[in-house]
Amino acid sequence: MNGIVNGIAGFVIGFLVLLGAVLSALSAFGLIRLPDVYLRAHAATKSTTLGVLCVLGGTFLFFWFYDGYISARVVLGIVFVFITAPVAGHLNGRAAYRSDVPLWEQSVQDELEPLLKGKKMNHEAKDRME
């Protein structure tokens, strides 16, 4: 019975680490290929955070199943990455927008412009915001 649990744990750990590596590689590809800072920030925050969390989750499970202890350092790493990476990405995008970094020329809509430039939004735009 213990061998089956170790085999399943090894499979889950390997899957999480592999998934995290693939997501991180896709994020790096997105950072290179996407056309403007706002889309790059999306790639850098969403998929990279999920990739790192998958790798750290696999690490946590490895220590728990094979070494028999719960690593507080890995748990703290998961918590801090989960909190700080999206906030940092948001602040980078906000700083870029307020510094008038232009949107990609094929961007369809800029929902922040009416709010930050002092213009009143029409009812259709308000419905989309809600």
C-alpha atoms as a PDB file:
ATOM      1  CA  MET A   1       0.000   0.000   0.000  1.00  0.00           C
ATOM      2  CA  ASN A   2       2.833   2.404   0.836  1.00  0.00           C
ATOM      3  CA  GLY A   3       4.417   1.790  -2.568  1.00  0.00           C
ATOM      4  CA  ILE A   4       1.205   2.768  -4.359  1.00  0.00           C
ATOM      5  CA  VAL A   5       0.942   6.016  -2.391  1.00  0.00           C
ATOM      6  CA  ASN A   6       4.590   6.836  -3.114  1.00  0.00           C
ATOM      7  CA  GLY A   7       4.058   6.112  -6.808  1.00  0.00           C
ATOM      8  CA  ILE A   8       0.993   8.340  -7.010  1.00  0.00           C
ATOM      9  CA  ALA A   9       2.770  11.068  -5.021  1.00  0.00           C
ATOM     10  CA  GLY A  10       5.753  10.877  -7.358  1.00  0.00           C
ATOM     11  CA  PHE A  11       3.472  11.173 -10.370  1.00  0.00           C
ATOM     12  CA  VAL A  12       1.613  14.193  -8.910  1.00  0.00           C
ATOM     13  CA  ILE A  13       4.869  15.894  -7.888  1.00  0.00           C
ATOM     14  CA  GLY A  14       6.408  15.307 -11.302  1.00  0.00           C
ATOM     15  CA  PHE A  15       3.263  16.565 -13.030  1.00  0.00           C
ATOM     16  CA  LEU A  16       3.184  19.759 -10.947  1.00  0.00           C
ATOM     17  CA  VAL A  17       6.849  20.524 -11.553  1.00  0.00           C
ATOM     18  CA  LEU A  18       6.537  19.806 -15.273  1.00  0.00           C
ATOM     19  CA  LEU A  19       3.367  21.906 -15.551  1.00  0.00           C
ATOM     20  CA  GLY A  20       5.090  24.760 -13.728  1.00  0.00           C
ATOM     21  CA  ALA A  21       8.072  24.570 -16.057  1.00  0.00           C
ATOM     22  CA  VAL A  22       5.832  24.589 -19.148  1.00  0.00           C
ATOM     23  CA  LEU A  23       3.813  27.558 -17.862  1.00  0.00           C
ATOM     24  CA  SER A  24       6.995  29.477 -17.078  1.00  0.00           C
ATOM     25  CA  ALA A  25       8.346  28.748 -20.562  1.00  0.00           C
ATOM     26  CA  LEU A  26       5.094  29.935 -22.142  1.00  0.00           C
ATOM     27  CA  SER A  27       5.292  33.062 -20.047  1.00  0.00           C
ATOM     28  CA  ALA A  28       8.823  33.734 -21.264  1.00  0.00           C
ATOM     29  CA  PHE A  29       7.629  33.227 -24.827  1.00  0.00           C
ATOM     30  CA  GLY A  30       4.808  35.703 -24.170  1.00  0.00           C
ATOM     31  CA  LEU A  31       7.248  38.265 -22.823  1.00  0.00           C
ATOM     32  CA  ILE A  32       9.222  38.071 -26.046  1.00  0.00           C
ATOM     33  CA  ARG A  33       6.340  37.926 -28.534  1.00  0.00           C
ATOM     34  CA  LEU A  34       3.641  40.211 -27.143  1.00  0.00           C
ATOM     35  CA  PRO A  35       3.603  43.715 -28.635  1.00  0.00           C
ATOM     36  CA  ASP A  36       3.206  46.177 -25.747  1.00  0.00           C
ATOM     37  CA  VAL A  37       4.008  46.578 -22.081  1.00  0.00           C
ATOM     38  CA  TYR A  38       0.448  45.887 -20.927  1.00  0.00           C
ATOM     39  CA  LEU A  39       0.163  42.535 -22.661  1.00  0.00           C
ATOM     40  CA  ARG A  40       3.654  41.619 -21.504  1.00  0.00           C
ATOM     41  CA  ALA A  41       2.677  42.457 -17.938  1.00  0.00           C
ATOM     42  CA  HIS A  42      -0.246  40.054 -18.304  1.00  0.00           C
ATOM     43  CA  ALA A  43       2.084  37.287 -19.455  1.00  0.00           C
ATOM     44  CA  ALA A  44       4.584  38.057 -16.726  1.00  0.00           C
ATOM     45  CA  THR A  45       2.081  37.994 -13.903  1.00  0.00           C
ATOM     46  CA  LYS A  46      -0.567  35.398 -14.694  1.00  0.00           C
ATOM     47  CA  SER A  47       1.270  32.461 -16.167  1.00  0.00           C
ATOM     48  CA  THR A  48       4.559  33.036 -14.366  1.00  0.00           C
ATOM     49  CA  THR A  49       2.819  33.180 -11.001  1.00  0.00           C
ATOM     50  CA  LEU A  50       0.902  29.998 -11.744  1.00  0.00           C
ATOM     51  CA  GLY A  51       4.078  28.303 -12.995  1.00  0.00           C
ATOM     52  CA  VAL A  52       6.074  29.217  -9.913  1.00  0.00           C
ATOM     53  CA  LEU A  53       3.209  28.161  -7.656  1.00  0.00           C
ATOM     54  CA  CYS A  54       3.046  24.766  -9.396  1.00  0.00           C
ATOM     55  CA  VAL A  55       6.780  24.223  -8.926  1.00  0.00           C
ATOM     56  CA  LEU A  56       6.610  25.303  -5.282  1.00  0.00           C
ATOM     57  CA  GLY A  57       3.546  23.099  -4.753  1.00  0.00           C
ATOM     58  CA  GLY A  58       5.454  20.140  -6.159  1.00  0.00           C
ATOM     59  CA  THR A  59       8.377  20.987  -3.881  1.00  0.00           C
ATOM     60  CA  PHE A  60       6.057  21.176  -0.878  1.00  0.00           C
ATOM     61  CA  LEU A  61       4.560  17.776  -1.702  1.00  0.00           C
ATOM     62  CA  PHE A  62       8.025  16.273  -2.218  1.00  0.00           C
ATOM     63  CA  PHE A  63       9.180  17.315   1.239  1.00  0.00           C
ATOM     64  CA  TRP A  64       5.903  16.199   2.785  1.00  0.00           C
ATOM     65  CA  PHE A  65       5.768  12.725   1.197  1.00  0.00           C
ATOM     66  CA  TYR A  66       9.426  11.757   0.945  1.00  0.00           C
ATOM     67  CA  ASP A  67      11.084  13.580   3.848  1.00  0.00           C
ATOM     68  CA  GLY A  68       8.112  13.533   6.184  1.00  0.00           C
ATOM     69  CA  TYR A  69       7.900  17.182   7.188  1.00  0.00           C
ATOM     70  CA  ILE A  70       6.009  20.262   6.161  1.00  0.00           C
ATOM     71  CA  SER A  71       8.411  22.953   5.022  1.00  0.00           C
ATOM     72  CA  ALA A  72       7.387  26.337   6.403  1.00  0.00           C
ATOM     73  CA  ARG A  73       9.818  28.038   4.011  1.00  0.00           C
ATOM     74  CA  VAL A  74       8.071  26.598   0.980  1.00  0.00           C
ATOM     75  CA  VAL A  75       4.659  27.553   2.381  1.00  0.00           C
ATOM     76  CA  LEU A  76       5.888  31.115   2.961  1.00  0.00           C
ATOM     77  CA  GLY A  77       7.324  31.173  -0.553  1.00  0.00           C
ATOM     78  CA  ILE A  78       3.941  30.134  -1.968  1.00  0.00           C
ATOM     79  CA  VAL A  79       2.125  32.797   0.049  1.00  0.00           C
ATOM     80  CA  PHE A  80       4.542  35.593  -0.845  1.00  0.00           C
ATOM     81  CA  VAL A  81       4.624  34.752  -4.559  1.00  0.00           C
ATOM     82  CA  PHE A  82       0.830  34.496  -4.620  1.00  0.00           C
ATOM     83  CA  ILE A  83       0.490  37.934  -3.024  1.00  0.00           C
ATOM     84  CA  THR A  84       3.375  39.960  -4.431  1.00  0.00           C
ATOM     85  CA  ALA A  85       3.663  38.921  -8.088  1.00  0.00           C
ATOM     86  CA  PRO A  86       0.173  40.021  -9.235  1.00  0.00           C
ATOM     87  CA  VAL A  87       0.405  43.236  -7.202  1.00  0.00           C
ATOM     88  CA  ALA A  88       3.789  44.076  -8.699  1.00  0.00           C
ATOM     89  CA  GLY A  89       2.475  43.398 -12.207  1.00  0.00           C
ATOM     90  CA  HIS A  90      -0.530  45.621 -11.573  1.00  0.00           C
ATOM     91  CA  LEU A  91       1.644  48.431 -10.279  1.00  0.00           C
ATOM     92  CA  ASN A  92       3.986  48.166 -13.263  1.00  0.00           C
ATOM     93  CA  GLY A  93       1.040  48.397 -15.658  1.00  0.00           C
ATOM     94  CA  ARG A  94      -0.433  51.291 -13.742  1.00  0.00           C
ATOM     95  CA  ALA A  95       2.862  53.171 -13.741  1.00  0.00           C
ATOM     96  CA  ALA A  96       3.233  52.575 -17.476  1.00  0.00           C
ATOM     97  CA  TYR A  97      -0.300  53.830 -18.155  1.00  0.00           C
ATOM     98  CA  ARG A  98       0.122  56.937 -16.020  1.00  0.00           C
ATOM     99  CA  SER A  99       3.454  57.614 -17.722  1.00  0.00           C
ATOM    100  CA  ASP A 100       1.597  57.666 -21.067  1.00  0.00           C
ATOM    101  CA  VAL A 101       3.214  54.564 -22.507  1.00  0.00           C
ATOM    102  CA  PRO A 102       1.165  54.008 -25.678  1.00  0.00           C
ATOM    103  CA  LEU A 103      -1.152  51.061 -26.133  1.00  0.00           C
ATOM    104  CA  TRP A 104      -0.613  48.659 -28.998  1.00  0.00           C
ATOM    105  CA  GLU A 105      -1.966  50.236 -32.193  1.00  0.00           C
ATOM    106  CA  GLN A 106      -4.421  47.358 -32.647  1.00  0.00           C
ATOM    107  CA  SER A 107      -5.884  47.671 -29.143  1.00  0.00           C
ATOM    108  CA  VAL A 108      -9.652  47.853 -29.348  1.00  0.00           C
ATOM    109  CA  GLN A 109     -10.578  49.694 -26.181  1.00  0.00           C
ATOM    110  CA  ASP A 110      -9.047  51.832 -23.447  1.00  0.00           C
ATOM    111  CA  GLU A 111     -11.400  51.717 -20.478  1.00  0.00           C
ATOM    112  CA  LEU A 112      -9.212  53.790 -18.175  1.00  0.00           C
ATOM    113  CA  GLU A 113      -8.992  56.855 -20.379  1.00  0.00           C
ATOM    114  CA  PRO A 114     -12.420  58.292 -19.494  1.00  0.00           C
ATOM    115  CA  LEU A 115     -11.804  57.674 -15.810  1.00  0.00           C
ATOM    116  CA  LEU A 116      -8.358  59.190 -15.629  1.00  0.00           C
ATOM    117  CA  LYS A 117      -8.820  62.041 -18.087  1.00  0.00           C
ATOM    118  CA  GLY A 118     -11.908  63.397 -16.284  1.00  0.00           C
ATOM    119  CA  LYS A 119     -14.405  62.493 -18.997  1.00  0.00           C
ATOM    120  CA  LYS A 120     -17.841  61.160 -18.152  1.00  0.00           C
ATOM    121  CA  MET A 121     -18.512  57.614 -19.204  1.00  0.00           C
ATOM    122  CA  ASN A 122     -21.600  56.810 -21.182  1.00  0.00           C
ATOM    123  CA  HIS A 123     -24.079  54.231 -19.912  1.00  0.00           C
ATOM    124  CA  GLU A 124     -22.830  51.499 -22.228  1.00  0.00           C
ATOM    125  CA  ALA A 125     -19.303  51.778 -20.852  1.00  0.00           C
ATOM    126  CA  LYS A 126     -20.627  51.775 -17.289  1.00  0.00           C
ATOM    127  CA  ASP A 127     -22.514  48.547 -17.965  1.00  0.00           C
ATOM    128  CA  ARG A 128     -19.340  46.911 -19.262  1.00  0.00           C
ATOM    129  CA  MET A 129     -17.398  48.015 -16.158  1.00  0.00           C
ATOM    130  CA  GLU A 130     -19.934  46.379 -13.837  1.00  0.00           C
END
